[in-house]
Amino acid sequence: MRVLGVDPGLTRCGLGVVDGGSGRGVSCVAVDVVRSSPEVALGQRLVAVADVVERWIAEHSPDVVAIERVFSQHNVRTAMGTAQVGGVVALVATRRDLPVAFHTPSEVKAAVTGSGRAGKQQVTAMVSRLLTLPTPPKPPDAADALALAVCHLWRAPMAARLADAQLRSAQRARSHRARLAAAARRTGRRA
């Protein structure tokens, strides 16, 4: 499976493509950061990010796009920009018929480092180690994008199994309720 990880941001938007197969083996395909100046109009900044994401999807052919979910930030303006970029990336991916997954920062940190409270340096160090990169990706947005992709590769199989188990459980519950209702109707007729 190939995952495009996106650490959304208006000034710096991290992009990372990671390949993974069965097990926990992962490899880096590409990593970069899209930069835009705060002096440029918001719409133009969003278009610039969308254009680069479209090129990356065309060039790297990911199977899924994993985006960091805006969880909480103290700066409302930063949170708004991050959410807007995340929405644009989700739109671009959906128009290309790619599934989109959102992961919180703590989920990503926990998947990659083992701690949901890990710092940027820990995430960068673990991403470098996991992907056997010769040098740590810079800035941290690039490492975060790779971490998002790795997180999705490792969490997606578990999430799929959980969803499948929930579906089977719901089907069994419906079947059981139907049998109980049929038994109640038969019992009611005999009385």
Protein backbone atom coordinates (compact mmCIF):
# COMPACT_ATOMS: atom_id res chain seq x y z
CA MET A 1 0.00 0.00 0.00
CA ARG A 2 1.24 3.48 -0.79
CA VAL A 3 0.17 6.37 1.45
CA LEU A 4 0.46 10.10 0.87
CA GLY A 5 0.77 11.69 4.31
CA VAL A 6 -0.10 15.37 4.61
CA ASP A 7 0.75 17.62 7.54
CA PRO A 8 -1.49 20.56 6.59
CA GLY A 9 -0.41 24.14 7.10
CA LEU A 10 -0.71 27.39 5.21
CA THR A 11 2.90 28.50 5.55
CA ARG A 12 4.40 25.00 5.42
CA CYS A 13 2.46 21.92 4.31
CA GLY A 14 4.40 18.68 4.70
CA LEU A 15 4.01 15.93 2.10
CA GLY A 16 5.39 12.43 2.43
CA VAL A 17 4.83 9.24 0.43
CA VAL A 18 5.54 5.93 2.14
CA ASP A 19 5.22 2.37 0.87
CA GLY A 20 4.32 -0.48 3.19
CA GLY A 21 3.41 -4.10 2.84
CA SER A 22 2.45 -6.79 5.25
CA GLY A 23 4.04 -6.35 8.64
CA ARG A 24 5.69 -3.18 9.79
CA GLY A 25 8.22 -2.69 6.98
CA VAL A 26 8.00 0.79 5.47
CA SER A 27 10.04 2.78 2.97
CA CYS A 28 10.14 6.42 1.98
CA VAL A 29 9.25 7.23 -1.62
CA ALA A 30 9.27 11.05 -1.48
CA VAL A 31 9.13 13.90 1.01
CA ASP A 32 8.86 17.67 0.64
CA VAL A 33 7.24 20.79 2.03
CA VAL A 34 4.95 23.18 0.14
CA ARG A 35 5.64 26.73 1.26
CA SER A 36 3.47 29.80 0.80
CA SER A 37 3.95 33.37 1.93
CA PRO A 38 1.56 34.93 4.44
CA GLU A 39 1.62 38.01 2.18
CA VAL A 40 -0.27 36.11 -0.55
CA ALA A 41 -4.08 36.03 -0.53
CA LEU A 42 -5.61 33.01 1.23
CA GLY A 43 -7.33 31.68 -1.89
CA GLN A 44 -4.08 31.75 -3.86
CA ARG A 45 -2.26 29.93 -1.04
CA LEU A 46 -4.90 27.20 -1.00
CA VAL A 47 -4.74 26.85 -4.79
CA ALA A 48 -0.94 26.54 -4.60
CA VAL A 49 -1.24 23.67 -2.08
CA ALA A 50 -3.97 22.00 -4.15
CA ASP A 51 -1.84 22.20 -7.30
CA VAL A 52 1.14 20.55 -5.62
CA VAL A 53 -1.01 17.83 -4.04
CA GLU A 54 -2.57 17.11 -7.45
CA ARG A 55 0.91 16.76 -8.97
CA TRP A 56 2.03 14.46 -6.14
CA ILE A 57 -1.03 12.25 -6.56
CA ALA A 58 -0.41 12.04 -10.32
CA GLU A 59 3.31 11.36 -9.87
CA HIS A 60 3.26 8.94 -6.93
CA SER A 61 -0.14 7.21 -7.34
CA PRO A 62 -0.98 6.73 -3.65
CA ASP A 63 -3.69 4.28 -2.59
CA VAL A 64 -4.88 6.55 0.21
CA VAL A 65 -4.26 10.04 1.59
CA ALA A 66 -3.69 10.43 5.35
CA ILE A 67 -4.20 13.93 6.74
CA GLU A 68 -3.52 15.25 10.20
CA ARG A 69 -6.81 16.09 11.91
CA VAL A 70 -6.93 19.49 13.55
CA PHE A 71 -7.44 18.49 17.15
CA SER A 72 -6.79 21.59 19.23
CA GLN A 73 -4.54 24.54 18.94
CA HIS A 74 -4.24 27.61 21.09
CA ASN A 75 -4.02 29.93 18.07
CA VAL A 76 -7.44 29.99 16.38
CA ARG A 77 -6.04 31.60 13.24
CA THR A 78 -3.46 28.83 12.85
CA ALA A 79 -6.11 26.17 13.48
CA MET A 80 -8.35 27.72 10.81
CA GLY A 81 -5.56 27.75 8.23
CA THR A 82 -4.61 24.18 9.05
CA ALA A 83 -8.23 23.04 8.74
CA GLN A 84 -8.65 24.89 5.44
CA VAL A 85 -5.57 23.23 3.94
CA GLY A 86 -6.71 19.82 5.25
CA GLY A 87 -10.09 20.37 3.59
CA VAL A 88 -8.50 21.33 0.28
CA VAL A 89 -6.28 18.22 0.36
CA ALA A 90 -9.28 16.01 1.18
CA LEU A 91 -11.20 17.56 -1.73
CA VAL A 92 -8.33 16.99 -4.18
CA ALA A 93 -7.98 13.35 -3.07
CA THR A 94 -11.72 12.69 -3.19
CA ARG A 95 -11.95 14.10 -6.71
CA ARG A 96 -9.31 11.54 -7.67
CA ASP A 97 -11.42 8.76 -6.02
CA LEU A 98 -8.83 8.23 -3.30
CA PRO A 99 -9.89 7.35 0.22
CA VAL A 100 -9.00 9.95 2.83
CA ALA A 101 -8.12 9.14 6.43
CA PHE A 102 -7.67 11.61 9.26
CA HIS A 103 -5.40 10.95 12.24
CA THR A 104 -4.92 13.10 15.33
CA PRO A 105 -1.42 14.23 16.28
CA SER A 106 -1.46 12.01 19.38
CA GLU A 107 -2.44 8.95 17.29
CA VAL A 108 0.47 9.63 14.94
CA LYS A 109 2.95 10.19 17.75
CA ALA A 110 1.82 7.05 19.56
CA ALA A 111 2.06 4.94 16.39
CA VAL A 112 5.55 6.13 15.51
CA THR A 113 7.19 6.69 18.91
CA GLY A 114 5.04 4.73 21.34
CA SER A 115 4.02 7.92 23.17
CA GLY A 116 1.16 10.22 22.23
CA ARG A 117 3.04 13.06 23.91
CA ALA A 118 6.29 12.73 21.96
CA GLY A 119 8.00 15.92 20.84
CA LYS A 120 8.90 16.96 17.31
CA GLN A 121 12.50 15.78 17.76
CA GLN A 122 11.39 12.32 18.88
CA VAL A 123 9.03 12.00 15.90
CA THR A 124 11.75 13.11 13.49
CA ALA A 125 14.28 10.72 15.01
CA MET A 126 11.91 7.73 14.87
CA VAL A 127 10.75 8.51 11.33
CA SER A 128 14.38 8.71 10.23
CA ARG A 129 15.11 5.39 11.90
CA LEU A 130 11.98 3.58 10.69
CA LEU A 131 12.48 4.70 7.11
CA THR A 132 16.29 4.37 7.27
CA LEU A 133 16.74 7.91 5.98
CA PRO A 134 20.34 9.11 5.59
CA THR A 135 19.45 12.50 7.13
CA PRO A 136 16.45 13.60 9.18
CA PRO A 137 13.74 15.29 7.10
CA LYS A 138 13.55 19.04 7.61
CA PRO A 139 11.58 21.04 8.56
CA PRO A 140 9.51 19.08 11.11
CA ASP A 141 6.46 19.34 8.81
CA ALA A 142 8.20 16.93 6.40
CA ALA A 143 8.86 14.43 9.19
CA ASP A 144 5.27 14.80 10.39
CA ALA A 145 3.94 14.02 6.90
CA LEU A 146 6.04 10.83 6.79
CA ALA A 147 4.87 9.95 10.31
CA LEU A 148 1.24 10.34 9.19
CA ALA A 149 1.82 7.94 6.31
CA VAL A 150 3.54 5.39 8.58
CA CYS A 151 0.76 5.74 11.17
CA HIS A 152 -1.87 5.03 8.54
CA LEU A 153 0.01 2.03 7.17
CA TRP A 154 0.19 0.53 10.65
CA ARG A 155 -3.31 1.47 11.84
CA ALA A 156 -5.33 0.80 8.66
CA PRO A 157 -5.23 -3.02 8.83
CA MET A 158 -6.38 -2.95 12.47
CA ALA A 159 -9.13 -0.43 11.67
CA ALA A 160 -10.29 -2.57 8.74
CA ARG A 161 -10.43 -5.69 10.92
CA LEU A 162 -12.35 -3.79 13.59
CA ALA A 163 -14.86 -2.45 11.04
CA ASP A 164 -15.30 -5.95 9.61
CA ALA A 165 -15.88 -7.40 13.09
CA GLN A 166 -18.44 -4.67 13.86
CA LEU A 167 -20.25 -5.38 10.58
CA ARG A 168 -20.37 -9.14 11.28
CA SER A 169 -21.57 -8.47 14.83
CA ALA A 170 -24.37 -6.20 13.58
CA GLN A 171 -25.41 -8.81 10.99
CA ARG A 172 -25.51 -11.54 13.65
CA ALA A 173 -27.53 -9.29 15.98
CA ARG A 174 -30.09 -8.60 13.21
CA SER A 175 -30.34 -12.30 12.42
CA HIS A 176 -30.78 -13.15 16.11
CA ARG A 177 -33.49 -10.49 16.55
CA ALA A 178 -35.29 -11.81 13.46
CA ARG A 179 -35.24 -15.35 14.84
CA LEU A 180 -36.55 -14.12 18.22
CA ALA A 181 -39.34 -12.16 16.50
CA ALA A 182 -40.27 -15.20 14.38
CA ALA A 183 -40.32 -17.39 17.49
CA ALA A 184 -42.50 -14.85 19.31
CA ARG A 185 -44.97 -14.77 16.39
CA ARG A 186 -45.16 -18.59 16.32
CA THR A 187 -45.68 -18.70 20.08
CA GLY A 188 -48.36 -15.99 19.85
CA ARG A 189 -50.30 -17.92 17.16
CA ARG A 190 -50.45 -21.08 19.19
CA ALA A 191 -51.88 -19.36 22.23
